[in-house]
Amino acid sequence: MKLYPSISPDLADWAARQPVFFTASAPTHLPHINVSPKGLSAHFAVLSPNLVAYIDRTGSGCETIAHSYENGRLTLMFMSFGPSPRILRLFCKSRIIEWDHPDFDSWMKRIVPQGEAGRISYDGARAVVVGDVWEVQTSCGYGVPMIRKELYASPASEDDSDAAAAATQGKERDDRQGELFVL
């Protein structure tokens, strides 16, 4: 395990290539921890060595947002499912820019161009979660299984409007890829 005070360019590039990341947050006085998977590279951006942001969309609970307002504790975790193992954790103090905030569109423009040039909106985008990174941790990741990359939907095959419609109705999307198999 290694600790760093900020995100280096190589770690930022590596994080952007991962197909999924996880958010972890917790209330101040209750025992549970909320862990949520997130995906789509166009939804996450490293904006500076100590500043990250991602687009939060409808479709699940809003515990991360609630915890951010309560105490601001947030951890983002990325991991490699390929032949080069690594786990990256970003320990952050979070803040929320909700869809009706005057700065919401400018935050969206800062995030999206890094993933999809020219696109500035997403169906179901309810907030931008901003993380002020105070510590970066890497570890080996040898316990993470390798998973075939073709099992992930490519960004080109993601139907953004179908996903948002299903999420808004509280339904899960069909698993178009079937089960994930460990190599």
Protein backbone atom coordinates (compact mmCIF):
# COMPACT_ATOMS: atom_id res chain seq x y z
CA MET A 1 0.00 0.00 0.00
CA LYS A 2 1.19 3.50 -0.87
CA LEU A 3 -0.22 6.87 0.19
CA TYR A 4 0.01 10.10 -1.78
CA PRO A 5 -1.15 13.67 -1.09
CA SER A 6 -2.68 14.05 -4.57
CA ILE A 7 -3.60 12.26 -7.80
CA SER A 8 -0.67 11.92 -10.18
CA PRO A 9 -1.29 12.18 -13.95
CA ASP A 10 -0.63 8.44 -14.42
CA LEU A 11 -3.19 7.52 -11.72
CA ALA A 12 -5.71 9.94 -13.25
CA ASP A 13 -5.24 8.31 -16.68
CA TRP A 14 -5.52 4.83 -15.15
CA ALA A 15 -8.73 5.72 -13.27
CA ALA A 16 -10.30 7.07 -16.47
CA ARG A 17 -9.72 3.71 -18.20
CA GLN A 18 -11.55 1.63 -15.58
CA PRO A 19 -15.08 0.52 -16.56
CA VAL A 20 -16.55 0.96 -13.08
CA PHE A 21 -15.82 2.74 -9.82
CA PHE A 22 -17.48 2.64 -6.42
CA THR A 23 -18.52 5.36 -4.03
CA ALA A 24 -18.57 4.79 -0.27
CA SER A 25 -20.17 7.09 2.26
CA ALA A 26 -21.67 6.75 5.72
CA PRO A 27 -23.95 8.65 8.04
CA THR A 28 -22.40 10.16 11.14
CA HIS A 29 -24.26 8.19 13.79
CA LEU A 30 -25.63 5.03 12.12
CA PRO A 31 -23.73 1.76 11.65
CA HIS A 32 -24.22 1.14 7.93
CA ILE A 33 -21.95 2.15 5.07
CA ASN A 34 -23.37 2.96 1.65
CA VAL A 35 -21.42 1.54 -1.32
CA SER A 36 -22.62 2.30 -4.85
CA PRO A 37 -21.23 1.25 -8.25
CA LYS A 38 -20.81 3.93 -10.89
CA GLY A 39 -19.71 3.73 -14.49
CA LEU A 40 -19.35 5.41 -17.85
CA SER A 41 -16.11 7.32 -18.24
CA ALA A 42 -18.00 10.44 -19.33
CA HIS A 43 -19.47 10.69 -15.84
CA PHE A 44 -16.18 11.05 -13.92
CA ALA A 45 -13.32 13.52 -14.21
CA VAL A 46 -10.10 14.34 -12.42
CA LEU A 47 -10.18 18.14 -12.60
CA SER A 48 -6.90 18.77 -10.77
CA PRO A 49 -4.53 16.74 -8.58
CA ASN A 50 -6.85 17.25 -5.59
CA LEU A 51 -10.24 17.75 -7.24
CA VAL A 52 -12.55 15.16 -8.80
CA ALA A 53 -16.21 15.20 -9.78
CA TYR A 54 -18.81 12.80 -11.10
CA ILE A 55 -22.36 13.06 -12.39
CA ASP A 56 -24.92 11.50 -10.07
CA ARG A 57 -28.02 10.21 -11.87
CA THR A 58 -31.40 9.04 -10.71
CA GLY A 59 -32.07 5.35 -10.47
CA SER A 60 -31.08 4.46 -6.98
CA GLY A 61 -31.27 6.01 -3.57
CA CYS A 62 -29.54 9.27 -2.89
CA GLU A 63 -27.62 8.20 0.21
CA THR A 64 -24.31 9.57 -1.05
CA ILE A 65 -25.90 12.99 -1.46
CA ALA A 66 -27.52 12.79 1.98
CA HIS A 67 -24.24 11.72 3.60
CA SER A 68 -22.39 14.51 1.78
CA TYR A 69 -24.73 17.08 3.25
CA GLU A 70 -24.45 15.46 6.68
CA ASN A 71 -20.69 15.01 7.01
CA GLY A 72 -18.98 15.20 3.60
CA ARG A 73 -17.07 11.92 3.94
CA LEU A 74 -16.60 10.17 0.61
CA THR A 75 -14.29 7.48 -0.73
CA LEU A 76 -14.06 6.63 -4.43
CA MET A 77 -12.53 3.26 -5.33
CA PHE A 78 -11.31 2.12 -8.73
CA MET A 79 -9.91 -1.33 -9.48
CA SER A 80 -8.44 -3.20 -12.38
CA PHE A 81 -10.23 -6.33 -13.56
CA GLY A 82 -7.45 -6.99 -16.08
CA PRO A 83 -3.95 -8.47 -16.03
CA SER A 84 -2.32 -5.48 -14.28
CA PRO A 85 -3.78 -5.50 -10.77
CA ARG A 86 -4.31 -2.27 -8.86
CA ILE A 87 -6.79 -0.70 -6.46
CA LEU A 88 -7.00 3.09 -6.19
CA ARG A 89 -8.87 4.86 -3.39
CA LEU A 90 -9.53 8.59 -3.30
CA PHE A 91 -10.40 9.89 0.16
CA CYS A 92 -12.43 13.06 -0.21
CA LYS A 93 -14.42 15.77 1.46
CA SER A 94 -17.50 15.98 -0.75
CA ARG A 95 -19.90 18.70 -1.74
CA ILE A 96 -23.00 18.60 -3.89
CA ILE A 97 -24.02 20.76 -6.85
CA GLU A 98 -27.69 19.90 -7.45
CA TRP A 99 -29.41 20.20 -10.84
CA ASP A 100 -31.14 23.47 -9.88
CA HIS A 101 -27.95 25.16 -8.59
CA PRO A 102 -26.79 28.09 -10.77
CA ASP A 103 -23.36 26.44 -11.25
CA PHE A 104 -24.70 23.00 -12.27
CA ASP A 105 -24.24 23.52 -16.03
CA SER A 106 -20.69 24.83 -15.66
CA TRP A 107 -19.76 21.78 -13.56
CA MET A 108 -21.32 19.49 -16.17
CA LYS A 109 -19.21 21.16 -18.87
CA ARG A 110 -16.06 20.57 -16.80
CA ILE A 111 -16.80 16.84 -16.46
CA VAL A 112 -18.34 15.75 -19.73
CA PRO A 113 -15.81 17.01 -22.32
CA GLN A 114 -13.24 14.65 -20.86
CA GLY A 115 -15.49 11.69 -21.71
CA GLU A 116 -17.71 12.70 -24.64
CA ALA A 117 -16.79 15.80 -26.59
CA GLY A 118 -19.66 18.18 -27.16
CA ARG A 119 -22.19 16.57 -24.84
CA ILE A 120 -23.24 18.62 -21.82
CA SER A 121 -26.34 16.86 -20.49
CA TYR A 122 -27.55 13.44 -19.44
CA ASP A 123 -31.08 12.21 -18.78
CA GLY A 124 -31.61 11.80 -15.07
CA ALA A 125 -28.58 13.87 -14.01
CA ARG A 126 -29.60 15.14 -10.58
CA ALA A 127 -26.33 16.40 -9.15
CA VAL A 128 -22.60 16.72 -9.53
CA VAL A 129 -20.69 15.22 -6.63
CA VAL A 130 -17.45 17.12 -6.13
CA GLY A 131 -14.63 15.53 -4.15
CA ASP A 132 -11.82 17.54 -2.61
CA VAL A 133 -9.18 14.80 -2.39
CA TRP A 134 -7.14 14.85 0.81
CA GLU A 135 -5.41 11.46 0.39
CA VAL A 136 -4.78 8.94 -2.38
CA GLN A 137 -4.09 5.26 -1.71
CA THR A 138 -2.97 2.51 -4.06
CA SER A 139 -2.69 -1.16 -3.26
CA CYS A 140 -1.81 -4.29 -5.20
CA GLY A 141 -5.26 -5.56 -6.18
CA TYR A 142 -4.19 -9.19 -6.53
CA GLY A 143 -7.42 -10.29 -4.81
CA VAL A 144 -9.57 -8.77 -7.59
CA PRO A 145 -10.54 -11.36 -10.22
CA MET A 146 -9.76 -10.80 -13.90
CA ILE A 147 -12.93 -10.41 -15.95
CA ARG A 148 -13.22 -10.51 -19.73
CA LYS A 149 -13.54 -6.98 -21.07
CA GLU A 150 -16.09 -7.93 -23.72
CA LEU A 151 -18.57 -8.62 -20.93
CA TYR A 152 -18.91 -4.87 -20.40
CA ALA A 153 -21.25 -2.83 -22.55
CA SER A 154 -19.24 -0.44 -24.68
CA PRO A 155 -20.05 3.24 -24.24
CA ALA A 156 -21.33 3.28 -27.82
CA SER A 157 -23.89 0.57 -27.01
CA GLU A 158 -25.17 2.28 -23.85
CA ASP A 159 -28.65 3.64 -24.53
CA ASP A 160 -28.67 6.66 -22.27
CA SER A 161 -32.38 7.40 -22.54
CA ASP A 162 -33.44 3.78 -21.89
CA ALA A 163 -31.21 3.62 -18.82
CA ALA A 164 -32.58 6.86 -17.42
CA ALA A 165 -36.19 5.88 -18.13
CA ALA A 166 -35.74 2.54 -16.39
CA ALA A 167 -33.97 4.21 -13.51
CA THR A 168 -36.67 6.84 -13.12
CA GLN A 169 -39.27 4.08 -12.92
CA GLY A 170 -37.21 2.21 -10.33
CA LYS A 171 -36.56 -0.73 -12.66
CA GLU A 172 -33.25 -2.40 -13.30
CA ARG A 173 -31.94 -2.46 -16.85
CA ASP A 174 -31.75 -5.81 -18.54
CA ASP A 175 -28.37 -7.39 -18.09
CA ARG A 176 -27.44 -7.31 -21.77
CA GLN A 177 -24.11 -8.96 -21.13
CA GLY A 178 -25.25 -11.95 -19.09
CA GLU A 179 -23.23 -13.14 -16.13
CA LEU A 180 -19.69 -11.95 -15.53
CA PHE A 181 -17.26 -14.82 -15.57
CA VAL A 182 -13.99 -14.87 -13.72
CA LEU A 183 -11.07 -15.80 -15.97
